Structures are given as C-alpha cells and as structure tokens.
Amino acid sequence: MAATVNDEVISNPEESGNTINLADRDAMISELAYYKAESRGFEPGHELDDWLEAEKELMLE
C-alpha cells in the first residue's frame, strides 16, 4: 500500500528528533489561525495572513 500524505513526517533540520505528522501540523496551524481570526472578530480578508503567521509561529516552537 502506498504511503499517504497523512503518513508523512517532517522534521526541523535545526533540531534533531523534532518530528511532526503533516496532518497534525495542519491541524495545529488551522487552530492557531482560527484564534488569530477570532481575536480580530473574524474580519474577512486576512485568512492567508493568519495561516502564514500561524505556520511561522509553529516552526519557531
């Protein structure tokens, strides 16, 4: 059986042993982006910015 995207694991090359499942990563980014939107009252037009900022924050952890 072929591997799916959900089976893939990424790692931060700067920190050995720091791996995360891609599905979990996307869920974490989605949750962070949601809270960013919520703090702004869900004002439309900032969805991509919220997602990219959430990605950046997650990668810095």
PDB file of N, CA and C in Angstrom:
ATOM      1  N   MET A   1       0.843  -1.180   0.000  1.00  0.00           N
ATOM      2  CA  MET A   1       0.000   0.000   0.000  1.00  0.00           C
ATOM      3  C   MET A   1       0.888   1.242   0.000  1.00  0.00           C
ATOM      4  N   ALA A   2       0.549   2.208  -0.815  1.00  0.00           N
ATOM      5  CA  ALA A   2       1.342   3.432  -0.919  1.00  0.00           C
ATOM      6  C   ALA A   2       1.107   4.320   0.297  1.00  0.00           C
ATOM      7  N   ALA A   3       2.120   5.063   0.665  1.00  0.00           N
ATOM      8  CA  ALA A   3       2.010   5.998   1.784  1.00  0.00           C
ATOM      9  C   ALA A   3       1.150   7.180   1.374  1.00  0.00           C
ATOM     10  N   THR A   4       0.388   7.693   2.306  1.00  0.00           N
ATOM     11  CA  THR A   4      -0.427   8.865   2.040  1.00  0.00           C
ATOM     12  C   THR A   4       0.224  10.075   2.685  1.00  0.00           C
ATOM     13  N   VAL A   5      -0.312  11.245   2.361  1.00  0.00           N
ATOM     14  CA  VAL A   5       0.221  12.476   2.941  1.00  0.00           C
ATOM     15  C   VAL A   5       0.142  12.415   4.460  1.00  0.00           C
ATOM     16  N   ASN A   6      -0.921  11.809   4.996  1.00  0.00           N
ATOM     17  CA  ASN A   6      -1.086  11.736   6.445  1.00  0.00           C
ATOM     18  C   ASN A   6      -0.012  10.901   7.111  1.00  0.00           C
ATOM     19  N   ASP A   7       0.643  10.022   6.346  1.00  0.00           N
ATOM     20  CA  ASP A   7       1.690   9.178   6.900  1.00  0.00           C
ATOM     21  C   ASP A   7       3.052   9.862   6.895  1.00  0.00           C
ATOM     22  N   GLU A   8       3.176  10.945   6.152  1.00  0.00           N
ATOM     23  CA  GLU A   8       4.465  11.611   6.032  1.00  0.00           C
ATOM     24  C   GLU A   8       4.813  12.329   7.325  1.00  0.00           C
ATOM     25  N   VAL A   9       6.086  12.417   7.571  1.00  0.00           N
ATOM     26  CA  VAL A   9       6.580  13.096   8.763  1.00  0.00           C
ATOM     27  C   VAL A   9       7.610  14.112   8.318  1.00  0.00           C
ATOM     28  N   ILE A  10       7.544  15.300   8.902  1.00  0.00           N
ATOM     29  CA  ILE A  10       8.540  16.322   8.602  1.00  0.00           C
ATOM     30  C   ILE A  10       9.373  16.542   9.844  1.00  0.00           C
ATOM     31  N   SER A  11      10.529  17.091   9.649  1.00  0.00           N
ATOM     32  CA  SER A  11      11.355  17.402  10.809  1.00  0.00           C
ATOM     33  C   SER A  11      12.028  18.738  10.599  1.00  0.00           C
ATOM     34  N   ASN A  12      12.353  19.365  11.684  1.00  0.00           N
ATOM     35  CA  ASN A  12      13.073  20.620  11.663  1.00  0.00           C
ATOM     36  C   ASN A  12      14.553  20.257  11.633  1.00  0.00           C
ATOM     37  N   PRO A  13      15.251  20.563  10.545  1.00  0.00           N
ATOM     38  CA  PRO A  13      16.648  20.158  10.447  1.00  0.00           C
ATOM     39  C   PRO A  13      17.546  20.776  11.506  1.00  0.00           C
ATOM     40  N   GLU A  14      17.108  21.878  12.101  1.00  0.00           N
ATOM     41  CA  GLU A  14      17.922  22.536  13.114  1.00  0.00           C
ATOM     42  C   GLU A  14      17.799  21.856  14.474  1.00  0.00           C
ATOM     43  N   GLU A  15      16.750  21.035  14.654  1.00  0.00           N
ATOM     44  CA  GLU A  15      16.541  20.373  15.932  1.00  0.00           C
ATOM     45  C   GLU A  15      16.314  18.894  15.666  1.00  0.00           C
ATOM     46  N   SER A  16      17.310  18.081  15.920  1.00  0.00           N
ATOM     47  CA  SER A  16      17.167  16.655  15.686  1.00  0.00           C
ATOM     48  C   SER A  16      16.118  16.076  16.621  1.00  0.00           C
ATOM     49  N   GLY A  17      15.350  15.126  16.112  1.00  0.00           N
ATOM     50  CA  GLY A  17      14.325  14.490  16.906  1.00  0.00           C
ATOM     51  C   GLY A  17      13.016  15.246  16.963  1.00  0.00           C
ATOM     52  N   ASN A  18      12.910  16.417  16.363  1.00  0.00           N
ATOM     53  CA  ASN A  18      11.687  17.202  16.373  1.00  0.00           C
ATOM     54  C   ASN A  18      10.897  16.881  15.110  1.00  0.00           C
ATOM     55  N   THR A  19      10.011  15.888  15.192  1.00  0.00           N
ATOM     56  CA  THR A  19       9.224  15.495  14.031  1.00  0.00           C
ATOM     57  C   THR A  19       7.744  15.645  14.329  1.00  0.00           C
ATOM     58  N   ILE A  20       6.958  15.840  13.267  1.00  0.00           N
ATOM     59  CA  ILE A  20       5.520  16.007  13.419  1.00  0.00           C
ATOM     60  C   ILE A  20       4.830  15.452  12.180  1.00  0.00           C
ATOM     61  N   ASN A  21       3.718  14.788  12.378  1.00  0.00           N
ATOM     62  CA  ASN A  21       2.905  14.266  11.298  1.00  0.00           C
ATOM     63  C   ASN A  21       2.292  15.450  10.544  1.00  0.00           C
ATOM     64  N   LEU A  22       2.252  15.384   9.219  1.00  0.00           N
ATOM     65  CA  LEU A  22       1.742  16.506   8.426  1.00  0.00           C
ATOM     66  C   LEU A  22       0.284  16.828   8.739  1.00  0.00           C
ATOM     67  N   ALA A  23      -0.528  15.824   8.972  1.00  0.00           N
ATOM     68  CA  ALA A  23      -1.929  16.076   9.315  1.00  0.00           C
ATOM     69  C   ALA A  23      -2.027  16.813  10.647  1.00  0.00           C
ATOM     70  N   ASP A  24      -1.209  16.411  11.612  1.00  0.00           N
ATOM     71  CA  ASP A  24      -1.190  17.092  12.906  1.00  0.00           C
ATOM     72  C   ASP A  24      -0.695  18.524  12.753  1.00  0.00           C
ATOM     73  N   ARG A  25       0.305  18.707  11.915  1.00  0.00           N
ATOM     74  CA  ARG A  25       0.863  20.040  11.669  1.00  0.00           C
ATOM     75  C   ARG A  25      -0.217  20.960  11.110  1.00  0.00           C
ATOM     76  N   ASP A  26      -0.946  20.476  10.105  1.00  0.00           N
ATOM     77  CA  ASP A  26      -2.002  21.291   9.508  1.00  0.00           C
ATOM     78  C   ASP A  26      -3.106  21.607  10.513  1.00  0.00           C
ATOM     79  N   ALA A  27      -3.438  20.649  11.358  1.00  0.00           N
ATOM     80  CA  ALA A  27      -4.459  20.876  12.380  1.00  0.00           C
ATOM     81  C   ALA A  27      -4.000  21.941  13.373  1.00  0.00           C
ATOM     82  N   MET A  28      -2.734  21.898  13.744  1.00  0.00           N
ATOM     83  CA  MET A  28      -2.189  22.887  14.677  1.00  0.00           C
ATOM     84  C   MET A  28      -2.179  24.275  14.048  1.00  0.00           C
ATOM     85  N   ILE A  29      -1.790  24.357  12.784  1.00  0.00           N
ATOM     86  CA  ILE A  29      -1.783  25.638  12.076  1.00  0.00           C
ATOM     87  C   ILE A  29      -3.201  26.176  11.968  1.00  0.00           C
ATOM     88  N   SER A  30      -4.136  25.305  11.622  1.00  0.00           N
ATOM     89  CA  SER A  30      -5.531  25.701  11.493  1.00  0.00           C
ATOM     90  C   SER A  30      -6.069  26.273  12.798  1.00  0.00           C
ATOM     91  N   GLU A  31      -5.743  25.624  13.899  1.00  0.00           N
ATOM     92  CA  GLU A  31      -6.206  26.097  15.205  1.00  0.00           C
ATOM     93  C   GLU A  31      -5.593  27.453  15.551  1.00  0.00           C
ATOM     94  N   LEU A  32      -4.295  27.607  15.324  1.00  0.00           N
ATOM     95  CA  LEU A  32      -3.648  28.896  15.588  1.00  0.00           C
ATOM     96  C   LEU A  32      -4.242  29.996  14.717  1.00  0.00           C
ATOM     97  N   ALA A  33      -4.480  29.689  13.437  1.00  0.00           N
ATOM     98  CA  ALA A  33      -5.058  30.672  12.517  1.00  0.00           C
ATOM     99  C   ALA A  33      -6.471  31.051  12.958  1.00  0.00           C
ATOM    100  N   TYR A  34      -7.224  30.079  13.429  1.00  0.00           N
ATOM    101  CA  TYR A  34      -8.580  30.343  13.924  1.00  0.00           C
ATOM    102  C   TYR A  34      -8.541  31.352  15.068  1.00  0.00           C
ATOM    103  N   TYR A  35      -7.652  31.132  16.027  1.00  0.00           N
ATOM    104  CA  TYR A  35      -7.578  32.039  17.171  1.00  0.00           C
ATOM    105  C   TYR A  35      -7.121  33.437  16.759  1.00  0.00           C
ATOM    106  N   LYS A  36      -6.286  33.520  15.744  1.00  0.00           N
ATOM    107  CA  LYS A  36      -5.886  34.830  15.235  1.00  0.00           C
ATOM    108  C   LYS A  36      -7.095  35.551  14.639  1.00  0.00           C
ATOM    109  N   ALA A  37      -7.887  34.822  13.854  1.00  0.00           N
ATOM    110  CA  ALA A  37      -9.087  35.398  13.252  1.00  0.00           C
ATOM    111  C   ALA A  37     -10.101  35.787  14.328  1.00  0.00           C
ATOM    112  N   GLU A  38     -10.255  34.935  15.310  1.00  0.00           N
ATOM    113  CA  GLU A  38     -11.192  35.205  16.403  1.00  0.00           C
ATOM    114  C   GLU A  38     -10.820  36.490  17.141  1.00  0.00           C
ATOM    115  N   SER A  39      -9.536  36.691  17.368  1.00  0.00           N
ATOM    116  CA  SER A  39      -9.092  37.882  18.098  1.00  0.00           C
ATOM    117  C   SER A  39      -9.372  39.169  17.326  1.00  0.00           C
ATOM    118  N   ARG A  40      -9.567  39.053  16.013  1.00  0.00           N
ATOM    119  CA  ARG A  40      -9.887  40.185  15.154  1.00  0.00           C
ATOM    120  C   ARG A  40     -11.383  40.285  14.873  1.00  0.00           C
ATOM    121  N   GLY A  41     -12.173  39.419  15.506  1.00  0.00           N
ATOM    122  CA  GLY A  41     -13.611  39.427  15.258  1.00  0.00           C
ATOM    123  C   GLY A  41     -13.967  38.803  13.915  1.00  0.00           C
ATOM    124  N   PHE A  42     -13.129  37.927  13.406  1.00  0.00           N
ATOM    125  CA  PHE A  42     -13.335  37.229  12.132  1.00  0.00           C
ATOM    126  C   PHE A  42     -13.525  38.190  10.954  1.00  0.00           C
ATOM    127  N   GLU A  43     -12.835  39.309  11.011  1.00  0.00           N
ATOM    128  CA  GLU A  43     -12.872  40.269   9.907  1.00  0.00           C
ATOM    129  C   GLU A  43     -12.348  39.582   8.646  1.00  0.00           C
ATOM    130  N   PRO A  44     -13.128  39.600   7.559  1.00  0.00           N
ATOM    131  CA  PRO A  44     -12.703  38.893   6.340  1.00  0.00           C
ATOM    132  C   PRO A  44     -11.501  39.546   5.662  1.00  0.00           C
ATOM    133  N   GLY A  45     -10.806  38.731   4.869  1.00  0.00           N
ATOM    134  CA  GLY A  45      -9.694  39.240   4.078  1.00  0.00           C
ATOM    135  C   GLY A  45      -8.319  38.985   4.668  1.00  0.00           C
ATOM    136  N   HIS A  46      -8.260  38.332   5.817  1.00  0.00           N
ATOM    137  CA  HIS A  46      -6.977  38.095   6.476  1.00  0.00           C
ATOM    138  C   HIS A  46      -6.653  36.613   6.630  1.00  0.00           C
ATOM    139  N   GLU A  47      -7.406  35.768   5.943  1.00  0.00           N
ATOM    140  CA  GLU A  47      -7.272  34.326   6.119  1.00  0.00           C
ATOM    141  C   GLU A  47      -5.860  33.829   5.800  1.00  0.00           C
ATOM    142  N   LEU A  48      -5.316  34.255   4.675  1.00  0.00           N
ATOM    143  CA  LEU A  48      -3.976  33.814   4.284  1.00  0.00           C
ATOM    144  C   LEU A  48      -2.928  34.333   5.263  1.00  0.00           C
ATOM    145  N   ASP A  49      -3.054  35.587   5.653  1.00  0.00           N
ATOM    146  CA  ASP A  49      -2.113  36.149   6.628  1.00  0.00           C
ATOM    147  C   ASP A  49      -2.153  35.370   7.940  1.00  0.00           C
ATOM    148  N   ASP A  50      -3.361  35.034   8.389  1.00  0.00           N
ATOM    149  CA  ASP A  50      -3.497  34.261   9.625  1.00  0.00           C
ATOM    150  C   ASP A  50      -2.809  32.911   9.495  1.00  0.00           C
ATOM    151  N   TRP A  51      -3.027  32.241   8.357  1.00  0.00           N
ATOM    152  CA  TRP A  51      -2.436  30.915   8.142  1.00  0.00           C
ATOM    153  C   TRP A  51      -0.908  31.010   8.119  1.00  0.00           C
ATOM    154  N   LEU A  52      -0.381  31.981   7.372  1.00  0.00           N
ATOM    155  CA  LEU A  52       1.070  32.109   7.250  1.00  0.00           C
ATOM    156  C   LEU A  52       1.721  32.478   8.579  1.00  0.00           C
ATOM    157  N   GLU A  53       1.076  33.351   9.344  1.00  0.00           N
ATOM    158  CA  GLU A  53       1.608  33.706  10.662  1.00  0.00           C
ATOM    159  C   GLU A  53       1.586  32.497  11.594  1.00  0.00           C
ATOM    160  N   ALA A  54       0.524  31.713  11.519  1.00  0.00           N
ATOM    161  CA  ALA A  54       0.424  30.512  12.352  1.00  0.00           C
ATOM    162  C   ALA A  54       1.512  29.507  11.976  1.00  0.00           C
ATOM    163  N   GLU A  55       1.763  29.338  10.675  1.00  0.00           N
ATOM    164  CA  GLU A  55       2.845  28.452  10.225  1.00  0.00           C
ATOM    165  C   GLU A  55       4.183  28.908  10.794  1.00  0.00           C
ATOM    166  N   LYS A  56       4.419  30.199  10.698  1.00  0.00           N
ATOM    167  CA  LYS A  56       5.682  30.765  11.180  1.00  0.00           C
ATOM    168  C   LYS A  56       5.846  30.527  12.682  1.00  0.00           C
ATOM    169  N   GLU A  57       4.787  30.779  13.442  1.00  0.00           N
ATOM    170  CA  GLU A  57       4.851  30.567  14.889  1.00  0.00           C
ATOM    171  C   GLU A  57       5.124  29.105  15.223  1.00  0.00           C
ATOM    172  N   LEU A  58       4.468  28.204  14.510  1.00  0.00           N
ATOM    173  CA  LEU A  58       4.652  26.777  14.770  1.00  0.00           C
ATOM    174  C   LEU A  58       6.079  26.348  14.466  1.00  0.00           C
ATOM    175  N   MET A  59       6.653  26.862  13.400  1.00  0.00           N
ATOM    176  CA  MET A  59       8.018  26.490  13.029  1.00  0.00           C
ATOM    177  C   MET A  59       9.041  27.035  14.023  1.00  0.00           C
ATOM    178  N   LEU A  60       8.712  28.124  14.707  1.00  0.00           N
ATOM    179  CA  LEU A  60       9.630  28.716  15.678  1.00  0.00           C
ATOM    180  C   LEU A  60       9.588  28.005  17.026  1.00  0.00           C
ATOM    181  N   GLU A  61       8.571  27.178  17.248  1.00  0.00           N
ATOM    182  CA  GLU A  61       8.466  26.462  18.531  1.00  0.00           C
ATOM    183  C   GLU A  61       9.517  25.403  18.655  1.00  0.00           C
TER     184      GLU A  61
END
